[in-house]
Amino acid sequence: WYQRRVRGSVSLTLEQIKEHLGLRPHPEGGFYLETWRSPEKVRTERHHALEGVRSAGTTIYYLLTRASPKGHLCHNMSECMHIWCGGGAQKHHFIHEDGSLEEHVLGPRLDLGQKLQVLCPSNAWKCSSLLDDTEWSLITEVVYPGWELADFEMGREDKLLEMFPQHRNIIEKYAHKEDVGFD
């Protein structure tokens, strides 16, 4: 299926893909666009902001490229389903609250153990990167309850090394050295 679909599809340049999808640089790395925010609201126990009320769900496109090949470590209080959409594969690391590590490759090659979708649990620290031979990789992220800045944190190296010293290699590669925020 994958080979037939690729041969029959129209080839777009990376810049055309970013333009058609309306993608812009993401503070995590890569490029993104929020494509949907549910009008339905849910009440959560997250009373630190918005009186605990969140959108039921949100979705974004998220693109990694050779020029921006990694998504830095970040933490979201919500679950996030990553769904492969096109291009090559990308590797995902999830560091759980208990310090355990999960690694997955999201991509089209099921015969190589790649997955079309993978769930990042709530409160895990996550990061991603292109595989070495990949030019670009596009995924969709579905976040539920929906993404809110108040529920999100970018990973800073010194803080994460204190929390998870056993994952020094991943943290030094994927964490920011200083605080980074959204504009």
N, C-alpha and C. Protein backbone atom coordinates (compact mmCIF):
# COMPACT_ATOMS: atom_id res chain seq x y z
N TRP A 1 0.82 -1.19 0.00
CA TRP A 1 0.00 0.00 0.00
C TRP A 1 0.87 1.25 0.00
N TYR A 2 1.84 1.32 0.91
CA TYR A 2 2.66 2.52 1.05
C TYR A 2 3.38 2.84 -0.26
N GLN A 3 4.03 1.84 -0.88
CA GLN A 3 4.77 2.11 -2.11
C GLN A 3 3.84 2.53 -3.24
N ARG A 4 2.68 1.89 -3.37
CA ARG A 4 1.74 2.29 -4.42
C ARG A 4 1.26 3.72 -4.20
N ARG A 5 0.97 4.07 -2.97
CA ARG A 5 0.46 5.41 -2.66
C ARG A 5 1.52 6.48 -2.96
N VAL A 6 2.76 6.23 -2.60
CA VAL A 6 3.81 7.22 -2.82
C VAL A 6 4.03 7.43 -4.32
N ARG A 7 4.05 6.36 -5.09
CA ARG A 7 4.26 6.50 -6.54
C ARG A 7 3.13 7.28 -7.21
N GLY A 8 1.91 7.14 -6.70
CA GLY A 8 0.77 7.78 -7.32
C GLY A 8 0.48 9.18 -6.80
N SER A 9 1.23 9.64 -5.82
CA SER A 9 0.94 10.94 -5.22
C SER A 9 1.71 12.06 -5.91
N VAL A 10 1.22 13.26 -5.74
CA VAL A 10 1.88 14.44 -6.29
C VAL A 10 3.02 14.82 -5.37
N SER A 11 4.20 15.11 -5.95
CA SER A 11 5.34 15.51 -5.13
C SER A 11 5.31 17.00 -4.88
N LEU A 12 5.39 17.38 -3.62
CA LEU A 12 5.48 18.77 -3.22
C LEU A 12 6.84 18.98 -2.58
N THR A 13 7.37 20.18 -2.73
CA THR A 13 8.60 20.50 -2.01
C THR A 13 8.26 20.69 -0.54
N LEU A 14 9.28 20.66 0.28
CA LEU A 14 9.08 20.87 1.70
C LEU A 14 8.48 22.26 1.96
N GLU A 15 8.94 23.26 1.25
CA GLU A 15 8.40 24.61 1.42
C GLU A 15 6.93 24.66 1.00
N GLN A 16 6.55 23.93 -0.04
CA GLN A 16 5.15 23.89 -0.47
C GLN A 16 4.28 23.20 0.59
N ILE A 17 4.79 22.14 1.19
CA ILE A 17 4.05 21.45 2.25
C ILE A 17 3.81 22.42 3.41
N LYS A 18 4.87 23.11 3.84
CA LYS A 18 4.73 24.07 4.95
C LYS A 18 3.75 25.18 4.59
N GLU A 19 3.80 25.65 3.34
CA GLU A 19 2.89 26.72 2.91
C GLU A 19 1.44 26.23 2.83
N HIS A 20 1.23 25.08 2.21
CA HIS A 20 -0.14 24.54 2.07
C HIS A 20 -0.79 24.28 3.43
N LEU A 21 0.00 23.83 4.39
CA LEU A 21 -0.55 23.51 5.71
C LEU A 21 -0.54 24.71 6.66
N GLY A 22 0.13 25.79 6.25
CA GLY A 22 0.18 26.99 7.10
C GLY A 22 1.05 26.82 8.33
N LEU A 23 2.11 26.02 8.22
CA LEU A 23 2.95 25.72 9.38
C LEU A 23 3.87 26.88 9.73
N ARG A 24 4.13 27.03 11.03
CA ARG A 24 5.06 28.07 11.50
C ARG A 24 6.01 27.42 12.51
N PRO A 25 7.14 28.07 12.79
CA PRO A 25 8.10 27.48 13.73
C PRO A 25 7.48 27.24 15.11
N HIS A 26 7.85 26.11 15.69
CA HIS A 26 7.36 25.71 17.02
C HIS A 26 8.49 25.92 18.04
N PRO A 27 8.20 26.46 19.21
CA PRO A 27 9.25 26.62 20.23
C PRO A 27 9.92 25.30 20.64
N GLU A 28 9.24 24.17 20.49
CA GLU A 28 9.84 22.86 20.77
C GLU A 28 10.88 22.50 19.73
N GLY A 29 10.79 23.09 18.54
CA GLY A 29 11.54 22.68 17.37
C GLY A 29 10.53 22.23 16.33
N GLY A 30 10.92 22.17 15.07
CA GLY A 30 10.01 21.80 14.01
C GLY A 30 9.01 22.91 13.71
N PHE A 31 7.90 22.53 13.09
CA PHE A 31 6.88 23.47 12.63
C PHE A 31 5.51 22.91 12.99
N TYR A 32 4.52 23.79 13.19
CA TYR A 32 3.21 23.31 13.62
C TYR A 32 2.09 24.25 13.19
N LEU A 33 0.87 23.76 13.31
CA LEU A 33 -0.33 24.57 13.18
C LEU A 33 -1.44 23.85 13.94
N GLU A 34 -2.12 24.57 14.84
CA GLU A 34 -3.31 23.99 15.48
C GLU A 34 -4.41 23.96 14.44
N THR A 35 -4.98 22.78 14.21
CA THR A 35 -5.98 22.59 13.16
C THR A 35 -7.40 22.44 13.70
N TRP A 36 -7.53 22.16 15.00
CA TRP A 36 -8.86 21.97 15.56
C TRP A 36 -8.80 22.16 17.07
N ARG A 37 -9.83 22.78 17.60
CA ARG A 37 -10.02 22.92 19.05
C ARG A 37 -11.50 22.66 19.29
N SER A 38 -11.80 21.62 20.04
CA SER A 38 -13.18 21.25 20.29
C SER A 38 -13.92 22.38 21.01
N PRO A 39 -15.14 22.67 20.55
CA PRO A 39 -15.95 23.65 21.27
C PRO A 39 -16.53 23.06 22.56
N GLU A 40 -16.50 21.73 22.67
CA GLU A 40 -16.98 21.06 23.88
C GLU A 40 -15.98 21.29 25.01
N LYS A 41 -16.48 21.52 26.20
CA LYS A 41 -15.62 21.77 27.36
C LYS A 41 -15.74 20.62 28.35
N VAL A 42 -14.63 20.36 29.04
CA VAL A 42 -14.62 19.35 30.10
C VAL A 42 -14.03 19.98 31.36
N ARG A 43 -14.47 19.50 32.49
CA ARG A 43 -13.95 19.99 33.76
C ARG A 43 -12.85 19.03 34.21
N THR A 44 -11.71 19.57 34.61
CA THR A 44 -10.59 18.76 35.09
C THR A 44 -10.26 19.15 36.53
N GLU A 45 -9.31 18.45 37.10
CA GLU A 45 -8.81 18.77 38.44
C GLU A 45 -7.67 19.79 38.36
N ARG A 46 -7.44 20.36 37.21
CA ARG A 46 -6.34 21.31 37.00
C ARG A 46 -6.80 22.73 37.32
N HIS A 47 -6.91 23.03 38.57
CA HIS A 47 -7.45 24.32 38.99
C HIS A 47 -6.40 25.42 39.03
N HIS A 48 -5.17 25.14 38.56
CA HIS A 48 -4.13 26.16 38.53
C HIS A 48 -4.42 27.22 37.46
N ALA A 49 -5.32 26.92 36.53
CA ALA A 49 -5.66 27.89 35.47
C ALA A 49 -7.02 27.56 34.89
N LEU A 50 -7.70 28.56 34.41
CA LEU A 50 -8.98 28.42 33.70
C LEU A 50 -10.04 27.70 34.53
N GLU A 51 -9.92 27.80 35.84
CA GLU A 51 -10.86 27.16 36.76
C GLU A 51 -11.07 25.67 36.48
N GLY A 52 -10.04 25.04 35.90
CA GLY A 52 -10.11 23.61 35.62
C GLY A 52 -10.83 23.24 34.34
N VAL A 53 -11.37 24.20 33.61
CA VAL A 53 -12.12 23.92 32.39
C VAL A 53 -11.16 23.88 31.20
N ARG A 54 -11.29 22.84 30.38
CA ARG A 54 -10.46 22.67 29.20
C ARG A 54 -11.33 22.30 28.01
N SER A 55 -10.82 22.57 26.82
CA SER A 55 -11.44 22.05 25.61
C SER A 55 -11.35 20.52 25.68
N ALA A 56 -12.34 19.84 25.13
CA ALA A 56 -12.32 18.37 25.16
C ALA A 56 -11.11 17.81 24.40
N GLY A 57 -10.66 18.50 23.36
CA GLY A 57 -9.51 18.02 22.59
C GLY A 57 -9.02 19.07 21.62
N THR A 58 -7.76 18.89 21.20
CA THR A 58 -7.15 19.76 20.18
C THR A 58 -6.30 18.89 19.27
N THR A 59 -6.06 19.38 18.05
CA THR A 59 -5.14 18.70 17.13
C THR A 59 -4.20 19.71 16.50
N ILE A 60 -2.99 19.23 16.20
CA ILE A 60 -2.03 20.03 15.44
C ILE A 60 -1.37 19.16 14.38
N TYR A 61 -0.88 19.80 13.33
CA TYR A 61 0.14 19.20 12.47
C TYR A 61 1.47 19.52 13.11
N TYR A 62 2.41 18.59 13.05
CA TYR A 62 3.76 18.82 13.57
C TYR A 62 4.76 18.23 12.59
N LEU A 63 5.66 19.07 12.09
CA LEU A 63 6.61 18.69 11.04
C LEU A 63 8.03 18.85 11.54
N LEU A 64 8.84 17.80 11.39
CA LEU A 64 10.28 17.88 11.61
C LEU A 64 10.97 17.86 10.26
N THR A 65 12.05 18.62 10.12
CA THR A 65 12.80 18.71 8.87
C THR A 65 14.30 18.60 9.15
N ARG A 66 15.10 18.46 8.11
CA ARG A 66 16.56 18.45 8.31
C ARG A 66 17.03 19.75 8.97
N ALA A 67 16.40 20.87 8.63
CA ALA A 67 16.78 22.16 9.21
C ALA A 67 16.33 22.28 10.67
N SER A 68 15.29 21.58 11.05
CA SER A 68 14.78 21.59 12.43
C SER A 68 14.41 20.15 12.77
N PRO A 69 15.44 19.31 13.06
CA PRO A 69 15.24 17.85 13.12
C PRO A 69 14.79 17.27 14.45
N LYS A 70 14.58 18.12 15.46
CA LYS A 70 14.18 17.53 16.74
C LYS A 70 13.18 18.40 17.47
N GLY A 71 12.33 17.69 18.21
CA GLY A 71 11.40 18.33 19.13
C GLY A 71 12.00 18.22 20.52
N HIS A 72 12.28 19.34 21.16
CA HIS A 72 12.92 19.35 22.47
C HIS A 72 12.00 18.77 23.55
N LEU A 73 12.60 18.37 24.65
CA LEU A 73 11.85 17.80 25.75
C LEU A 73 10.80 18.78 26.27
N CYS A 74 9.59 18.28 26.43
CA CYS A 74 8.50 19.08 26.98
C CYS A 74 7.57 18.15 27.76
N HIS A 75 6.71 18.77 28.55
CA HIS A 75 5.82 18.05 29.45
C HIS A 75 4.42 18.60 29.29
N ASN A 76 3.45 17.73 29.11
CA ASN A 76 2.07 18.14 29.00
C ASN A 76 1.26 17.34 30.01
N MET A 77 0.33 18.00 30.66
CA MET A 77 -0.51 17.30 31.64
C MET A 77 -1.54 16.39 30.96
N SER A 78 -1.75 16.54 29.66
CA SER A 78 -2.73 15.74 28.93
C SER A 78 -2.07 14.60 28.17
N GLU A 79 -2.87 13.59 27.85
CA GLU A 79 -2.40 12.55 26.94
C GLU A 79 -2.28 13.14 25.54
N CYS A 80 -1.39 12.57 24.75
CA CYS A 80 -1.18 13.07 23.39
C CYS A 80 -0.97 11.88 22.45
N MET A 81 -1.89 11.70 21.51
CA MET A 81 -1.75 10.65 20.51
C MET A 81 -1.00 11.23 19.32
N HIS A 82 0.11 10.59 18.95
CA HIS A 82 0.89 10.98 17.78
C HIS A 82 0.52 10.04 16.64
N ILE A 83 0.17 10.62 15.48
CA ILE A 83 -0.27 9.83 14.33
C ILE A 83 0.58 10.22 13.13
N TRP A 84 1.26 9.24 12.55
CA TRP A 84 2.12 9.50 11.39
C TRP A 84 1.27 9.87 10.18
N CYS A 85 1.68 10.93 9.47
CA CYS A 85 0.92 11.41 8.30
C CYS A 85 1.69 11.30 6.99
N GLY A 86 3.01 11.47 7.01
CA GLY A 86 3.75 11.43 5.76
C GLY A 86 5.23 11.68 5.95
N GLY A 87 5.99 11.47 4.85
CA GLY A 87 7.44 11.62 4.91
C GLY A 87 8.06 10.39 5.53
N GLY A 88 9.22 10.59 6.16
CA GLY A 88 9.93 9.48 6.78
C GLY A 88 9.52 9.28 8.22
N ALA A 89 10.37 8.56 8.92
CA ALA A 89 10.07 8.19 10.30
C ALA A 89 10.71 9.15 11.30
N GLN A 90 10.15 9.15 12.50
CA GLN A 90 10.73 9.92 13.59
C GLN A 90 10.71 9.08 14.86
N LYS A 91 11.73 9.30 15.69
CA LYS A 91 11.86 8.56 16.95
C LYS A 91 11.32 9.41 18.08
N HIS A 92 10.58 8.78 19.00
CA HIS A 92 10.00 9.45 20.16
C HIS A 92 10.52 8.81 21.44
N HIS A 93 10.89 9.66 22.41
CA HIS A 93 11.30 9.22 23.74
C HIS A 93 10.29 9.78 24.73
N PHE A 94 9.83 8.95 25.64
CA PHE A 94 8.94 9.38 26.72
C PHE A 94 9.60 9.01 28.04
N ILE A 95 9.86 10.01 28.88
CA ILE A 95 10.37 9.76 30.23
C ILE A 95 9.18 9.92 31.18
N HIS A 96 8.83 8.84 31.83
CA HIS A 96 7.67 8.82 32.73
C HIS A 96 8.03 9.42 34.09
N GLU A 97 7.00 9.78 34.84
CA GLU A 97 7.18 10.37 36.17
C GLU A 97 8.04 9.49 37.08
N ASP A 98 7.95 8.16 36.92
CA ASP A 98 8.73 7.25 37.76
C ASP A 98 10.15 7.05 37.24
N GLY A 99 10.51 7.75 36.16
CA GLY A 99 11.86 7.67 35.60
C GLY A 99 12.04 6.61 34.54
N SER A 100 11.03 5.80 34.29
CA SER A 100 11.15 4.79 33.24
C SER A 100 11.12 5.47 31.86
N LEU A 101 11.71 4.82 30.89
CA LEU A 101 11.86 5.37 29.54
C LEU A 101 11.17 4.47 28.53
N GLU A 102 10.44 5.10 27.61
CA GLU A 102 9.80 4.41 26.49
C GLU A 102 10.35 5.01 25.21
N GLU A 103 10.64 4.20 24.21
CA GLU A 103 11.09 4.69 22.91
C GLU A 103 10.25 4.04 21.82
N HIS A 104 9.87 4.84 20.83
CA HIS A 104 9.07 4.35 19.71
C HIS A 104 9.55 5.02 18.43
N VAL A 105 9.39 4.32 17.32
CA VAL A 105 9.62 4.92 16.01
C VAL A 105 8.28 5.00 15.31
N LEU A 106 7.91 6.21 14.94
CA LEU A 106 6.64 6.50 14.28
C LEU A 106 6.95 6.67 12.80
N GLY A 107 6.34 5.84 11.94
CA GLY A 107 6.60 5.93 10.51
C GLY A 107 5.86 4.86 9.74
N PRO A 108 6.12 4.82 8.42
CA PRO A 108 5.35 3.96 7.53
C PRO A 108 5.82 2.51 7.45
N ARG A 109 7.01 2.20 7.97
CA ARG A 109 7.60 0.87 7.77
C ARG A 109 7.19 -0.09 8.88
N LEU A 110 5.96 -0.59 8.76
CA LEU A 110 5.46 -1.55 9.74
C LEU A 110 6.33 -2.80 9.77
N ASP A 111 6.90 -3.16 8.61
CA ASP A 111 7.76 -4.33 8.52
C ASP A 111 9.04 -4.18 9.34
N LEU A 112 9.41 -2.93 9.70
CA LEU A 112 10.59 -2.67 10.52
C LEU A 112 10.21 -2.36 11.97
N GLY A 113 8.94 -2.56 12.31
CA GLY A 113 8.50 -2.31 13.67
C GLY A 113 8.07 -0.87 13.93
N GLN A 114 8.05 -0.04 12.89
CA GLN A 114 7.56 1.33 13.07
C GLN A 114 6.07 1.30 13.32
N LYS A 115 5.58 2.32 13.98
CA LYS A 115 4.16 2.39 14.34
C LYS A 115 3.51 3.57 13.64
N LEU A 116 2.24 3.43 13.31
CA LEU A 116 1.49 4.52 12.68
C LEU A 116 0.97 5.50 13.72
N GLN A 117 0.82 5.04 14.95
CA GLN A 117 0.38 5.92 16.02
C GLN A 117 0.98 5.43 17.34
N VAL A 118 1.20 6.38 18.23
CA VAL A 118 1.72 6.04 19.55
C VAL A 118 1.18 7.06 20.55
N LEU A 119 0.84 6.58 21.74
CA LEU A 119 0.28 7.43 22.78
C LEU A 119 1.36 7.86 23.76
N CYS A 120 1.50 9.17 23.95
CA CYS A 120 2.34 9.72 25.01
C CYS A 120 1.44 9.94 26.22
N PRO A 121 1.72 9.24 27.32
CA PRO A 121 0.85 9.38 28.49
C PRO A 121 0.92 10.79 29.08
N SER A 122 -0.10 11.15 29.82
CA SER A 122 -0.10 12.43 30.51
C SER A 122 1.08 12.48 31.48
N ASN A 123 1.62 13.67 31.64
CA ASN A 123 2.71 13.96 32.57
C ASN A 123 4.05 13.31 32.23
N ALA A 124 4.20 12.74 31.05
CA ALA A 124 5.50 12.24 30.61
C ALA A 124 6.27 13.39 29.95
N TRP A 125 7.58 13.34 30.05
CA TRP A 125 8.44 14.26 29.29
C TRP A 125 8.67 13.60 27.94
N LYS A 126 8.44 14.35 26.86
CA LYS A 126 8.55 13.75 25.53
C LYS A 126 9.48 14.57 24.65
N CYS A 127 10.11 13.89 23.70
CA CYS A 127 10.93 14.55 22.68
C CYS A 127 10.91 13.66 21.44
N SER A 128 11.32 14.24 20.32
CA SER A 128 11.30 13.49 19.06
C SER A 128 12.44 13.94 18.17
N SER A 129 12.78 13.10 17.19
CA SER A 129 13.82 13.46 16.22
C SER A 129 13.63 12.66 14.94
N LEU A 130 14.13 13.24 13.84
CA LEU A 130 14.12 12.52 12.58
C LEU A 130 15.09 11.35 12.65
N LEU A 131 14.80 10.28 11.95
CA LEU A 131 15.79 9.23 11.78
C LEU A 131 16.87 9.77 10.83
N ASP A 132 18.05 9.21 10.90
CA ASP A 132 19.21 9.76 10.18
C ASP A 132 18.99 9.99 8.69
N ASP A 133 18.29 9.10 8.02
CA ASP A 133 18.15 9.19 6.56
C ASP A 133 16.85 9.89 6.13
N THR A 134 16.18 10.55 7.05
CA THR A 134 14.87 11.15 6.77
C THR A 134 15.00 12.63 6.46
N GLU A 135 14.37 13.08 5.38
CA GLU A 135 14.36 14.50 5.00
C GLU A 135 13.34 15.29 5.81
N TRP A 136 12.16 14.68 6.03
CA TRP A 136 11.09 15.33 6.78
C TRP A 136 10.11 14.27 7.24
N SER A 137 9.34 14.63 8.27
CA SER A 137 8.33 13.73 8.79
C SER A 137 7.19 14.57 9.35
N LEU A 138 5.96 14.23 8.96
CA LEU A 138 4.77 14.97 9.38
C LEU A 138 3.89 14.06 10.22
N ILE A 139 3.48 14.55 11.39
CA ILE A 139 2.54 13.82 12.23
C ILE A 139 1.39 14.74 12.61
N THR A 140 0.33 14.13 13.12
CA THR A 140 -0.75 14.86 13.77
C THR A 140 -0.68 14.51 15.24
N GLU A 141 -0.87 15.50 16.10
CA GLU A 141 -0.97 15.25 17.53
C GLU A 141 -2.39 15.57 17.98
N VAL A 142 -3.00 14.62 18.67
CA VAL A 142 -4.34 14.79 19.23
C VAL A 142 -4.16 14.83 20.74
N VAL A 143 -4.54 15.95 21.36
CA VAL A 143 -4.34 16.15 22.79
C VAL A 143 -5.70 16.20 23.48
N TYR A 144 -5.85 15.42 24.56
CA TYR A 144 -7.12 15.40 25.28
C TYR A 144 -6.88 15.19 26.76
N PRO A 145 -7.49 15.99 27.64
CA PRO A 145 -8.16 17.24 27.30
C PRO A 145 -7.25 18.14 26.48
N GLY A 146 -7.85 19.09 25.79
CA GLY A 146 -7.14 19.92 24.84
C GLY A 146 -5.93 20.66 25.40
N TRP A 147 -4.99 20.97 24.50
CA TRP A 147 -3.75 21.65 24.86
C TRP A 147 -4.04 23.05 25.37
N GLU A 148 -3.40 23.38 26.48
CA GLU A 148 -3.42 24.72 27.03
C GLU A 148 -2.02 25.05 27.52
N LEU A 149 -1.57 26.24 27.26
CA LEU A 149 -0.23 26.66 27.68
C LEU A 149 -0.04 26.46 29.18
N ALA A 150 -1.07 26.67 29.97
CA ALA A 150 -0.96 26.53 31.43
C ALA A 150 -0.65 25.09 31.86
N ASP A 151 -0.89 24.11 30.99
CA ASP A 151 -0.66 22.69 31.31
C ASP A 151 0.63 22.17 30.70
N PHE A 152 1.44 23.05 30.16
CA PHE A 152 2.60 22.69 29.34
C PHE A 152 3.87 23.29 29.92
N GLU A 153 4.98 22.56 29.78
CA GLU A 153 6.28 23.07 30.24
C GLU A 153 7.37 22.59 29.30
N MET A 154 8.24 23.50 28.89
CA MET A 154 9.43 23.13 28.11
C MET A 154 10.48 22.62 29.09
N GLY A 155 11.24 21.61 28.67
CA GLY A 155 12.24 21.01 29.55
C GLY A 155 13.54 21.79 29.58
N ARG A 156 13.99 22.12 30.78
CA ARG A 156 15.28 22.79 30.95
C ARG A 156 16.28 21.76 31.46
N GLU A 157 17.46 21.73 30.86
CA GLU A 157 18.44 20.68 31.13
C GLU A 157 18.77 20.51 32.61
N ASP A 158 19.08 21.59 33.32
CA ASP A 158 19.50 21.45 34.71
C ASP A 158 18.39 20.83 35.57
N LYS A 159 17.16 21.25 35.36
CA LYS A 159 16.03 20.71 36.13
C LYS A 159 15.81 19.23 35.82
N LEU A 160 15.86 18.86 34.53
CA LEU A 160 15.62 17.47 34.15
C LEU A 160 16.74 16.54 34.60
N LEU A 161 17.99 17.03 34.58
CA LEU A 161 19.11 16.20 35.06
C LEU A 161 18.98 15.92 36.55
N GLU A 162 18.45 16.87 37.28
CA GLU A 162 18.22 16.67 38.71
C GLU A 162 17.13 15.62 38.94
N MET A 163 16.09 15.65 38.10
CA MET A 163 14.98 14.71 38.24
C MET A 163 15.30 13.31 37.72
N PHE A 164 16.03 13.25 36.58
CA PHE A 164 16.25 11.98 35.89
C PHE A 164 17.73 11.83 35.48
N PRO A 165 18.65 11.75 36.43
CA PRO A 165 20.07 11.66 36.07
C PRO A 165 20.40 10.44 35.22
N GLN A 166 19.60 9.39 35.32
CA GLN A 166 19.85 8.17 34.55
C GLN A 166 19.62 8.37 33.05
N HIS A 167 18.99 9.49 32.65
CA HIS A 167 18.72 9.75 31.24
C HIS A 167 19.54 10.94 30.72
N ARG A 168 20.74 11.09 31.26
CA ARG A 168 21.63 12.19 30.90
C ARG A 168 21.80 12.34 29.38
N ASN A 169 22.03 11.25 28.67
CA ASN A 169 22.27 11.34 27.22
C ASN A 169 21.09 11.96 26.49
N ILE A 170 19.89 11.54 26.81
CA ILE A 170 18.69 12.08 26.16
C ILE A 170 18.47 13.53 26.57
N ILE A 171 18.62 13.82 27.85
CA ILE A 171 18.38 15.17 28.35
C ILE A 171 19.37 16.16 27.75
N GLU A 172 20.65 15.81 27.71
CA GLU A 172 21.65 16.72 27.13
C GLU A 172 21.42 16.96 25.65
N LYS A 173 20.86 15.97 24.97
CA LYS A 173 20.61 16.11 23.53
C LYS A 173 19.32 16.88 23.23
N TYR A 174 18.29 16.73 24.08
CA TYR A 174 16.96 17.24 23.73
C TYR A 174 16.41 18.35 24.63
N ALA A 175 17.08 18.67 25.72
CA ALA A 175 16.56 19.72 26.62
C ALA A 175 17.18 21.07 26.27
N HIS A 176 16.43 22.12 26.54
CA HIS A 176 16.96 23.48 26.39
C HIS A 176 17.88 23.80 27.56
N LYS A 177 18.87 24.63 27.32
CA LYS A 177 19.81 25.05 28.37
C LYS A 177 19.19 26.13 29.26
N GLU A 178 18.20 26.83 28.72
CA GLU A 178 17.55 27.93 29.47
C GLU A 178 16.05 27.87 29.22
N ASP A 179 15.31 28.69 29.94
CA ASP A 179 13.86 28.72 29.77
C ASP A 179 13.50 29.21 28.37
N VAL A 180 12.53 28.54 27.76
CA VAL A 180 12.01 28.89 26.46
C VAL A 180 10.50 28.93 26.59
N GLY A 181 9.88 29.95 26.02
CA GLY A 181 8.43 30.05 26.13
C GLY A 181 7.78 30.28 24.77
N PHE A 182 6.48 30.34 24.78
CA PHE A 182 5.70 30.64 23.59
C PHE A 182 5.52 32.15 23.48
N ASP A 183 5.49 32.64 22.25
CA ASP A 183 5.23 34.07 22.03
C ASP A 183 3.77 34.39 22.20
